[in-house]
Amino acid sequence: MTSPTAPAVDLDLLRELFLLEPHKPAASVLRRARAAGGQLVPLVLSVAEREGTAMGSGTRAELVRMRARSGIYGDIARRVSAVPGARVVKGPSLAAHYPPGVLRPSGDLDVVVEGEQTLWAVADQVLADWPVAEINLAIQRLKGGWHLVLVLNWPSREEPLGDPEFNVEISTLAFSGEPGGVPPRIALPPDGVVADILMLAEERFQRPFGLKDSLDLALVLAGDRAPAARPLADQAAALRLAPELLELCERTRAWPSLAASVPSRLLDALQQPSVQELRRRATGEKPLPREFLPPDAAAALGRAALHALTTGLPVHGMLLGRRTPSMVPTAGLRFRSFSRGTLIRTPVADFLMVTEEVVDPDQYAAALAELPDVFPL
């Protein structure tokens, strides 16, 4: 039985992935990476540096900032991983599969936590140590209780105009699913490598797979800790991700330099569970009954929010104001109705509950005005 072969992460591979002729210079690879959205620019720059390509002050400074960005994410990951019940997934652990000196792009940091109180504890760690500028909240109601996604953002200090914002996403759900097709799943697989692979597959519910996804998968499957094909396929089936993992495997196998990293036995093991899962999705998901909402919450929520929560969709919080340590803490989520909607109080911030992207400015102003009366300190 042939073992998977890890691809050489070099300029030749990047030329192949960007559909460039083999003789094209590194500058052409960099231009193609920028034209494709810039996500892979740090990877291209680090590979070019590793191969001794001449670089000017601009690209060297950019690479220095991107390495610093990766270091900051690594620092955050180490600190929040020390919180009991918190696990950092994908970013740093996937980066460990890349060759020394090669920089895996760091878009964000994903933290999965065991419950709401752990979420607030992780948020406190980030808020205390980093200059968080924006806080976003999404809420879902499942049979087991409330589930939250808290997203913390702040701009780059060195290049706030040109570099991506830092983004830390903390979630009580391991896999958020796809409304109407795949329900949220709460727990991560115990094995970190399996969890990373299936989190990659889950990304398909938010966007099409990209080059970085295929490169991640190839390097993980060719690594020393790669899971066996059948147990991985079984885990994918149990978490209802067999079709997505199969799609990513097939996409990765389409690149000649990555094909040897994806074993045929994994594709074979995913075929039947993929068919079964697609057949199951065709039947649809049943909505949650209203009684899954606590009576006090149901009374405080408007019709649109109730519909969203009982059909498995998230509702969102528009930030009204951060809370400070001097404020009276809350144990968790609290909902209160006011004349124009529903307010949410959390230990880190207060929000206006919204179900649409565009919010009436008058409703927002009314929420700010009524917040002190609805939630007196």
Foldseek 3Di string as FASTA:
>chain_A
DDAFDFFDLAVQLLCLQLVHDNVDDLVVSLVSCVVVPVQCNLQSLQRCVVVPHDDDPVSVVVNVLQVVVLVVLVVLQVVLVPQPFKHKAADPVLQVLDDPRGDNGDQEIEMAGQDFVSLVVSVCVDVVPDPFDDWKKKWAFDLVGIKIKIKTWDADPVCRPPDHIYIYIYIQFLAPAAFFFAHTHRDAPPDRLLSRLLVLLSCVNVHNDDPSSLSSQLSSLNDPPHDDQQVSLVVCLVRLRLLSSLVSLVVSLVRVSRVSSRDPSNNVNSVVSNVVSVVVSVVTDDFADLVSDPPQVVVQADPVCSVQRRSRHIKMWAFLFFDDPVDDADPAWDWHHDPQGIKIDGRTTITGIDDDPDDDPVSSVVCNVCVCVRDPD
